[in-house]
Amino acid sequence: MEQSDLLRAKNSTTGEEGVLRKVIVLRPGDLFGQYRLLQLKDKREEGTTAQLEALQFFDNEAIDPVNDRLLTYAARVIPGLLTRGIWDKQRTLYIISFFVYQRGYTPGVADILKELAKAFPSDPDWVFYIGEMYRGQGDQRLLRKHTGGQLT
């Protein structure tokens, strides 16, 4: 779904939840849409089984969309998925490694890694993947800056 689909969905309904429901109809595996809908339902203490299942069992397109903007949105919800226990650390590491080695050039991947490193400062895995991403990009300056020179 492109930006025009989002605008069409927004114009055809009112409220964020209505927009999210339309997005999910068009892209059922949309991690951002499913997670945001889960958050809205949590506030109202409604059932969230459908969103939890969609966030746990999804197609590859959810983490490898054609459009890089969609990947940036999907990446934004990863810390919440891990913190809430919807994803375990192993699944999160697997998906992060995919992002780093296959899509490390995509805007938003660096931000999500920095956010994970900040949220879990005693966990060296996130710093490792930051280093791997910058190493893959050939950026020695950022590699040294974000890993303290540990991975150069």
N, C-alpha and C. Protein backbone atom coordinates (compact mmCIF):
# COMPACT_ATOMS: atom_id res chain seq x y z
N MET A 1 0.86 -1.17 0.00
CA MET A 1 0.00 0.00 0.00
C MET A 1 0.90 1.23 0.00
N GLU A 2 0.61 2.13 -0.87
CA GLU A 2 1.38 3.34 -0.99
C GLU A 2 0.74 4.46 -0.17
N GLN A 3 1.38 5.61 -0.17
CA GLN A 3 0.88 6.75 0.59
C GLN A 3 -0.53 7.13 0.13
N SER A 4 -0.81 6.99 -1.16
CA SER A 4 -2.14 7.33 -1.66
C SER A 4 -3.21 6.43 -1.04
N ASP A 5 -2.87 5.16 -0.76
CA ASP A 5 -3.81 4.26 -0.09
C ASP A 5 -4.12 4.75 1.31
N LEU A 6 -3.09 5.23 2.01
CA LEU A 6 -3.30 5.75 3.35
C LEU A 6 -4.20 6.99 3.32
N LEU A 7 -3.96 7.87 2.35
CA LEU A 7 -4.79 9.07 2.24
C LEU A 7 -6.23 8.71 1.91
N ARG A 8 -6.42 7.75 1.01
CA ARG A 8 -7.76 7.30 0.66
C ARG A 8 -8.46 6.73 1.89
N ALA A 9 -7.74 5.91 2.65
CA ALA A 9 -8.32 5.31 3.85
C ALA A 9 -8.66 6.40 4.86
N LYS A 10 -7.78 7.37 5.01
CA LYS A 10 -8.02 8.44 5.98
C LYS A 10 -9.24 9.27 5.60
N ASN A 11 -9.39 9.53 4.32
CA ASN A 11 -10.50 10.35 3.86
C ASN A 11 -11.83 9.62 3.91
N SER A 12 -11.81 8.30 3.94
CA SER A 12 -13.06 7.54 3.88
C SER A 12 -13.61 7.20 5.26
N THR A 13 -12.91 7.53 6.32
CA THR A 13 -13.37 7.22 7.66
C THR A 13 -12.86 8.28 8.62
N THR A 14 -13.34 8.27 9.82
CA THR A 14 -12.87 9.25 10.79
C THR A 14 -12.17 8.53 11.93
N GLY A 15 -11.21 9.20 12.51
CA GLY A 15 -10.52 8.65 13.66
C GLY A 15 -9.39 7.72 13.29
N GLU A 16 -8.40 7.69 14.18
CA GLU A 16 -7.22 6.86 13.95
C GLU A 16 -7.57 5.38 13.86
N GLU A 17 -8.45 4.91 14.71
CA GLU A 17 -8.79 3.49 14.67
C GLU A 17 -9.42 3.09 13.35
N GLY A 18 -10.27 3.95 12.81
CA GLY A 18 -10.87 3.67 11.50
C GLY A 18 -9.83 3.57 10.41
N VAL A 19 -8.86 4.47 10.44
CA VAL A 19 -7.78 4.45 9.46
C VAL A 19 -6.97 3.16 9.61
N LEU A 20 -6.65 2.82 10.85
CA LEU A 20 -5.87 1.60 11.09
C LEU A 20 -6.61 0.36 10.61
N ARG A 21 -7.89 0.29 10.85
CA ARG A 21 -8.68 -0.86 10.38
C ARG A 21 -8.64 -0.98 8.86
N LYS A 22 -8.71 0.15 8.17
CA LYS A 22 -8.64 0.13 6.70
C LYS A 22 -7.25 -0.32 6.23
N VAL A 23 -6.22 0.18 6.91
CA VAL A 23 -4.85 -0.22 6.56
C VAL A 23 -4.69 -1.73 6.74
N ILE A 24 -5.22 -2.26 7.82
CA ILE A 24 -5.09 -3.69 8.11
C ILE A 24 -5.86 -4.53 7.10
N VAL A 25 -6.97 -4.02 6.60
CA VAL A 25 -7.69 -4.74 5.55
C VAL A 25 -6.81 -4.84 4.31
N LEU A 26 -6.11 -3.74 3.97
CA LEU A 26 -5.24 -3.72 2.79
C LEU A 26 -3.94 -4.49 3.02
N ARG A 27 -3.39 -4.41 4.23
CA ARG A 27 -2.13 -5.08 4.57
C ARG A 27 -2.27 -5.74 5.94
N PRO A 28 -2.83 -6.95 6.01
CA PRO A 28 -3.08 -7.59 7.32
C PRO A 28 -1.82 -7.78 8.17
N GLY A 29 -0.68 -7.90 7.56
CA GLY A 29 0.55 -8.12 8.31
C GLY A 29 1.26 -6.85 8.72
N ASP A 30 0.64 -5.71 8.55
CA ASP A 30 1.28 -4.43 8.87
C ASP A 30 1.55 -4.35 10.38
N LEU A 31 2.82 -4.47 10.76
CA LEU A 31 3.18 -4.48 12.18
C LEU A 31 2.84 -3.17 12.88
N PHE A 32 3.09 -2.06 12.22
CA PHE A 32 2.79 -0.78 12.83
C PHE A 32 1.29 -0.63 13.06
N GLY A 33 0.51 -0.93 12.04
CA GLY A 33 -0.94 -0.82 12.15
C GLY A 33 -1.51 -1.73 13.22
N GLN A 34 -1.06 -2.98 13.24
CA GLN A 34 -1.55 -3.93 14.23
C GLN A 34 -1.15 -3.52 15.64
N TYR A 35 0.09 -3.05 15.81
CA TYR A 35 0.56 -2.66 17.14
C TYR A 35 -0.17 -1.41 17.63
N ARG A 36 -0.36 -0.46 16.74
CA ARG A 36 -1.07 0.77 17.15
C ARG A 36 -2.52 0.46 17.51
N LEU A 37 -3.16 -0.43 16.75
CA LEU A 37 -4.53 -0.83 17.07
C LEU A 37 -4.56 -1.55 18.41
N LEU A 38 -3.56 -2.37 18.69
CA LEU A 38 -3.45 -3.04 19.99
C LEU A 38 -3.37 -2.01 21.12
N GLN A 39 -2.57 -0.97 20.93
CA GLN A 39 -2.45 0.07 21.94
C GLN A 39 -3.79 0.78 22.19
N LEU A 40 -4.50 1.07 21.12
CA LEU A 40 -5.80 1.74 21.27
C LEU A 40 -6.80 0.85 22.01
N LYS A 41 -6.80 -0.44 21.67
CA LYS A 41 -7.72 -1.37 22.33
C LYS A 41 -7.33 -1.57 23.80
N ASP A 42 -6.03 -1.55 24.09
CA ASP A 42 -5.57 -1.66 25.48
C ASP A 42 -6.14 -0.53 26.33
N LYS A 43 -6.15 0.66 25.78
CA LYS A 43 -6.66 1.82 26.52
C LYS A 43 -8.14 1.64 26.87
N ARG A 44 -8.86 0.98 26.00
CA ARG A 44 -10.30 0.76 26.25
C ARG A 44 -10.57 -0.59 26.90
N GLU A 45 -9.49 -1.33 27.19
CA GLU A 45 -9.58 -2.65 27.82
C GLU A 45 -10.47 -3.59 27.01
N GLU A 46 -10.29 -3.57 25.69
CA GLU A 46 -11.02 -4.47 24.79
C GLU A 46 -10.13 -5.66 24.47
N GLY A 47 -10.73 -6.68 23.90
CA GLY A 47 -9.98 -7.86 23.49
C GLY A 47 -8.97 -7.53 22.41
N THR A 48 -7.80 -8.12 22.51
CA THR A 48 -6.71 -7.83 21.58
C THR A 48 -6.16 -9.09 20.92
N THR A 49 -6.89 -10.18 20.99
CA THR A 49 -6.39 -11.47 20.49
C THR A 49 -5.99 -11.39 19.02
N ALA A 50 -6.80 -10.76 18.19
CA ALA A 50 -6.50 -10.69 16.75
C ALA A 50 -5.19 -9.94 16.51
N GLN A 51 -4.99 -8.83 17.22
CA GLN A 51 -3.76 -8.07 17.02
C GLN A 51 -2.55 -8.84 17.54
N LEU A 52 -2.68 -9.49 18.69
CA LEU A 52 -1.56 -10.27 19.22
C LEU A 52 -1.16 -11.37 18.26
N GLU A 53 -2.13 -12.07 17.69
CA GLU A 53 -1.83 -13.13 16.72
C GLU A 53 -1.16 -12.55 15.47
N ALA A 54 -1.65 -11.41 14.99
CA ALA A 54 -1.07 -10.79 13.80
C ALA A 54 0.36 -10.33 14.05
N LEU A 55 0.66 -9.93 15.28
CA LEU A 55 2.00 -9.48 15.62
C LEU A 55 2.97 -10.64 15.87
N GLN A 56 2.43 -11.80 16.17
CA GLN A 56 3.28 -12.97 16.42
C GLN A 56 3.46 -13.83 15.18
N PHE A 57 2.45 -13.89 14.33
CA PHE A 57 2.48 -14.73 13.14
C PHE A 57 2.21 -13.85 11.92
N PHE A 58 3.24 -13.51 11.18
CA PHE A 58 3.12 -12.57 10.08
C PHE A 58 3.90 -13.05 8.88
N ASP A 59 3.54 -12.53 7.72
CA ASP A 59 4.24 -12.84 6.48
C ASP A 59 5.56 -12.09 6.41
N ASN A 60 6.44 -12.56 5.54
CA ASN A 60 7.72 -11.88 5.34
C ASN A 60 7.56 -10.43 4.94
N GLU A 61 6.48 -10.12 4.22
CA GLU A 61 6.27 -8.75 3.77
C GLU A 61 6.16 -7.77 4.94
N ALA A 62 5.79 -8.25 6.11
CA ALA A 62 5.69 -7.37 7.28
C ALA A 62 7.04 -6.79 7.67
N ILE A 63 8.11 -7.56 7.48
CA ILE A 63 9.44 -7.07 7.84
C ILE A 63 10.32 -6.79 6.61
N ASP A 64 9.82 -7.12 5.43
CA ASP A 64 10.56 -6.87 4.20
C ASP A 64 9.64 -6.31 3.12
N PRO A 65 9.00 -5.16 3.42
CA PRO A 65 8.08 -4.58 2.43
C PRO A 65 8.83 -3.99 1.25
N VAL A 66 8.14 -3.82 0.16
CA VAL A 66 8.72 -3.24 -1.04
C VAL A 66 9.11 -1.78 -0.79
N ASN A 67 8.32 -1.08 -0.02
CA ASN A 67 8.52 0.34 0.24
C ASN A 67 9.32 0.53 1.54
N ASP A 68 10.44 1.24 1.45
CA ASP A 68 11.28 1.46 2.63
C ASP A 68 10.57 2.24 3.73
N ARG A 69 9.62 3.10 3.37
CA ARG A 69 8.87 3.85 4.39
C ARG A 69 8.08 2.90 5.28
N LEU A 70 7.53 1.84 4.69
CA LEU A 70 6.77 0.87 5.48
C LEU A 70 7.70 0.12 6.43
N LEU A 71 8.92 -0.14 6.01
CA LEU A 71 9.88 -0.80 6.88
C LEU A 71 10.22 0.10 8.07
N THR A 72 10.36 1.39 7.82
CA THR A 72 10.65 2.33 8.90
C THR A 72 9.54 2.31 9.94
N TYR A 73 8.29 2.27 9.49
CA TYR A 73 7.16 2.20 10.43
C TYR A 73 7.17 0.87 11.19
N ALA A 74 7.42 -0.22 10.50
CA ALA A 74 7.47 -1.52 11.17
C ALA A 74 8.56 -1.54 12.23
N ALA A 75 9.71 -0.96 11.91
CA ALA A 75 10.83 -0.96 12.85
C ALA A 75 10.51 -0.17 14.12
N ARG A 76 9.68 0.84 14.01
CA ARG A 76 9.35 1.69 15.16
C ARG A 76 8.67 0.93 16.30
N VAL A 77 7.98 -0.16 15.99
CA VAL A 77 7.23 -0.86 17.04
C VAL A 77 8.03 -1.99 17.69
N ILE A 78 9.20 -2.28 17.20
CA ILE A 78 9.97 -3.40 17.72
C ILE A 78 10.29 -3.27 19.22
N PRO A 79 10.75 -2.12 19.70
CA PRO A 79 11.00 -2.05 21.15
C PRO A 79 9.76 -2.36 21.98
N GLY A 80 8.61 -1.89 21.56
CA GLY A 80 7.37 -2.18 22.28
C GLY A 80 7.02 -3.65 22.23
N LEU A 81 7.23 -4.28 21.09
CA LEU A 81 6.95 -5.71 20.97
C LEU A 81 7.84 -6.53 21.92
N LEU A 82 9.09 -6.13 22.02
CA LEU A 82 10.02 -6.82 22.91
C LEU A 82 9.70 -6.52 24.37
N THR A 83 9.51 -5.27 24.71
CA THR A 83 9.24 -4.87 26.09
C THR A 83 7.96 -5.50 26.63
N ARG A 84 6.94 -5.57 25.80
CA ARG A 84 5.65 -6.14 26.23
C ARG A 84 5.64 -7.67 26.23
N GLY A 85 6.70 -8.27 25.71
CA GLY A 85 6.76 -9.73 25.70
C GLY A 85 5.99 -10.36 24.55
N ILE A 86 5.58 -9.56 23.59
CA ILE A 86 4.91 -10.11 22.40
C ILE A 86 5.94 -10.85 21.56
N TRP A 87 7.13 -10.29 21.46
CA TRP A 87 8.27 -10.97 20.86
C TRP A 87 9.27 -11.26 21.96
N ASP A 88 9.95 -12.40 21.85
CA ASP A 88 11.05 -12.66 22.78
C ASP A 88 12.34 -12.11 22.17
N LYS A 89 13.40 -12.17 22.94
CA LYS A 89 14.66 -11.59 22.47
C LYS A 89 15.18 -12.32 21.23
N GLN A 90 15.01 -13.63 21.19
CA GLN A 90 15.52 -14.40 20.05
C GLN A 90 14.85 -13.97 18.74
N ARG A 91 13.54 -13.81 18.76
CA ARG A 91 12.84 -13.37 17.56
C ARG A 91 13.28 -11.96 17.18
N THR A 92 13.41 -11.10 18.18
CA THR A 92 13.82 -9.72 17.93
C THR A 92 15.21 -9.69 17.31
N LEU A 93 16.13 -10.47 17.84
CA LEU A 93 17.49 -10.53 17.28
C LEU A 93 17.48 -11.03 15.84
N TYR A 94 16.66 -12.02 15.58
CA TYR A 94 16.56 -12.58 14.23
C TYR A 94 16.10 -11.49 13.24
N ILE A 95 15.08 -10.75 13.63
CA ILE A 95 14.54 -9.72 12.74
C ILE A 95 15.50 -8.55 12.62
N ILE A 96 16.13 -8.17 13.72
CA ILE A 96 17.12 -7.10 13.68
C ILE A 96 18.29 -7.50 12.78
N SER A 97 18.74 -8.74 12.87
CA SER A 97 19.85 -9.18 12.01
C SER A 97 19.44 -9.12 10.54
N PHE A 98 18.19 -9.47 10.25
CA PHE A 98 17.70 -9.34 8.88
C PHE A 98 17.76 -7.88 8.43
N PHE A 99 17.25 -6.97 9.27
CA PHE A 99 17.29 -5.55 8.94
C PHE A 99 18.71 -5.09 8.66
N VAL A 100 19.63 -5.46 9.54
CA VAL A 100 21.02 -4.99 9.43
C VAL A 100 21.68 -5.53 8.17
N TYR A 101 21.56 -6.83 7.91
CA TYR A 101 22.29 -7.43 6.80
C TYR A 101 21.58 -7.29 5.46
N GLN A 102 20.28 -7.12 5.46
CA GLN A 102 19.56 -7.00 4.19
C GLN A 102 19.06 -5.60 3.90
N ARG A 103 18.78 -4.82 4.94
CA ARG A 103 18.17 -3.50 4.74
C ARG A 103 18.86 -2.42 5.57
N GLY A 104 20.13 -2.59 5.89
CA GLY A 104 20.85 -1.66 6.76
C GLY A 104 20.93 -0.24 6.24
N TYR A 105 20.71 -0.06 4.96
CA TYR A 105 20.73 1.27 4.35
C TYR A 105 19.42 2.02 4.55
N THR A 106 18.39 1.34 5.00
CA THR A 106 17.06 1.92 5.11
C THR A 106 16.99 2.91 6.28
N PRO A 107 16.46 4.12 6.02
CA PRO A 107 16.29 5.06 7.13
C PRO A 107 15.42 4.43 8.22
N GLY A 108 15.79 4.62 9.43
CA GLY A 108 15.01 4.08 10.53
C GLY A 108 15.67 2.88 11.19
N VAL A 109 16.48 2.13 10.46
CA VAL A 109 17.14 0.96 11.05
C VAL A 109 18.13 1.40 12.12
N ALA A 110 18.92 2.43 11.83
CA ALA A 110 19.86 2.94 12.84
C ALA A 110 19.12 3.46 14.06
N ASP A 111 18.01 4.15 13.82
CA ASP A 111 17.24 4.70 14.94
C ASP A 111 16.71 3.60 15.85
N ILE A 112 16.21 2.55 15.27
CA ILE A 112 15.64 1.47 16.08
C ILE A 112 16.74 0.77 16.88
N LEU A 113 17.91 0.60 16.28
CA LEU A 113 19.01 -0.03 17.01
C LEU A 113 19.47 0.84 18.18
N LYS A 114 19.54 2.13 17.95
CA LYS A 114 19.94 3.05 19.02
C LYS A 114 18.89 3.04 20.14
N GLU A 115 17.62 2.96 19.75
CA GLU A 115 16.55 2.92 20.75
C GLU A 115 16.63 1.63 21.58
N LEU A 116 16.91 0.52 20.92
CA LEU A 116 17.06 -0.75 21.65
C LEU A 116 18.27 -0.71 22.58
N ALA A 117 19.38 -0.13 22.10
CA ALA A 117 20.59 -0.03 22.94
C ALA A 117 20.32 0.86 24.14
N LYS A 118 19.53 1.90 23.96
CA LYS A 118 19.19 2.79 25.07
C LYS A 118 18.23 2.11 26.05
N ALA A 119 17.26 1.37 25.52
CA ALA A 119 16.28 0.70 26.38
C ALA A 119 16.89 -0.47 27.15
N PHE A 120 17.91 -1.10 26.57
CA PHE A 120 18.55 -2.26 27.20
C PHE A 120 20.07 -2.03 27.23
N PRO A 121 20.53 -1.08 28.05
CA PRO A 121 21.94 -0.68 28.02
C PRO A 121 22.94 -1.77 28.41
N SER A 122 22.50 -2.75 29.17
CA SER A 122 23.43 -3.80 29.58
C SER A 122 23.51 -4.95 28.57
N ASP A 123 22.76 -4.85 27.50
CA ASP A 123 22.72 -5.91 26.49
C ASP A 123 23.65 -5.55 25.32
N PRO A 124 24.74 -6.28 25.14
CA PRO A 124 25.71 -5.93 24.09
C PRO A 124 25.23 -6.26 22.68
N ASP A 125 24.17 -7.02 22.52
CA ASP A 125 23.73 -7.41 21.17
C ASP A 125 23.36 -6.21 20.32
N TRP A 126 22.72 -5.22 20.92
CA TRP A 126 22.26 -4.08 20.13
C TRP A 126 23.45 -3.25 19.65
N VAL A 127 24.46 -3.07 20.49
CA VAL A 127 25.66 -2.34 20.08
C VAL A 127 26.38 -3.11 18.97
N PHE A 128 26.40 -4.43 19.09
CA PHE A 128 27.01 -5.26 18.05
C PHE A 128 26.33 -5.02 16.71
N TYR A 129 25.01 -5.02 16.68
CA TYR A 129 24.30 -4.83 15.42
C TYR A 129 24.43 -3.40 14.89
N ILE A 130 24.55 -2.42 15.79
CA ILE A 130 24.84 -1.06 15.33
C ILE A 130 26.18 -1.07 14.59
N GLY A 131 27.17 -1.70 15.19
CA GLY A 131 28.48 -1.80 14.56
C GLY A 131 28.43 -2.52 13.23
N GLU A 132 27.70 -3.62 13.18
CA GLU A 132 27.58 -4.38 11.94
C GLU A 132 26.92 -3.55 10.84
N MET A 133 25.92 -2.78 11.21
CA MET A 133 25.24 -1.95 10.23
C MET A 133 26.20 -0.92 9.65
N TYR A 134 26.93 -0.21 10.53
CA TYR A 134 27.85 0.81 10.05
C TYR A 134 29.03 0.19 9.32
N ARG A 135 29.45 -0.98 9.73
CA ARG A 135 30.53 -1.68 9.01
C ARG A 135 30.05 -2.02 7.61
N GLY A 136 28.82 -2.52 7.49
CA GLY A 136 28.26 -2.84 6.18
C GLY A 136 28.12 -1.62 5.28
N GLN A 137 27.88 -0.48 5.88
CA GLN A 137 27.79 0.77 5.12
C GLN A 137 29.16 1.35 4.81
N GLY A 138 30.20 0.80 5.44
CA GLY A 138 31.56 1.30 5.23
C GLY A 138 31.84 2.60 5.95
N ASP A 139 31.07 2.90 6.98
CA ASP A 139 31.22 4.17 7.70
C ASP A 139 32.00 3.95 9.00
N GLN A 140 33.32 4.05 8.89
CA GLN A 140 34.20 3.80 10.04
C GLN A 140 34.02 4.84 11.14
N ARG A 141 33.73 6.07 10.76
CA ARG A 141 33.55 7.13 11.76
C ARG A 141 32.35 6.81 12.66
N LEU A 142 31.20 6.48 12.06
CA LEU A 142 30.02 6.15 12.86
C LEU A 142 30.20 4.82 13.59
N LEU A 143 30.92 3.90 12.98
CA LEU A 143 31.20 2.62 13.65
C LEU A 143 31.94 2.87 14.96
N ARG A 144 33.00 3.68 14.92
CA ARG A 144 33.77 4.00 16.13
C ARG A 144 32.92 4.79 17.14
N LYS A 145 32.15 5.74 16.64
CA LYS A 145 31.35 6.60 17.51
C LYS A 145 30.32 5.78 18.31
N HIS A 146 29.62 4.87 17.67
CA HIS A 146 28.51 4.17 18.32
C HIS A 146 28.91 2.88 19.02
N THR A 147 30.11 2.41 18.76
CA THR A 147 30.54 1.19 19.45
C THR A 147 31.71 1.45 20.39
N GLY A 148 32.09 2.71 20.52
CA GLY A 148 33.22 3.05 21.39
C GLY A 148 34.52 2.45 20.89
N GLY A 149 34.60 2.18 19.59
CA GLY A 149 35.79 1.60 19.02
C GLY A 149 35.94 0.11 19.27
N GLN A 150 34.97 -0.50 19.93
CA GLN A 150 35.06 -1.91 20.28
C GLN A 150 35.01 -2.84 19.08
N LEU A 151 34.35 -2.42 17.99
CA LEU A 151 34.13 -3.32 16.85
C LEU A 151 34.90 -2.92 15.62
N THR A 152 35.83 -1.98 15.70
CA THR A 152 36.54 -1.52 14.51
C THR A 152 37.61 -2.47 14.10
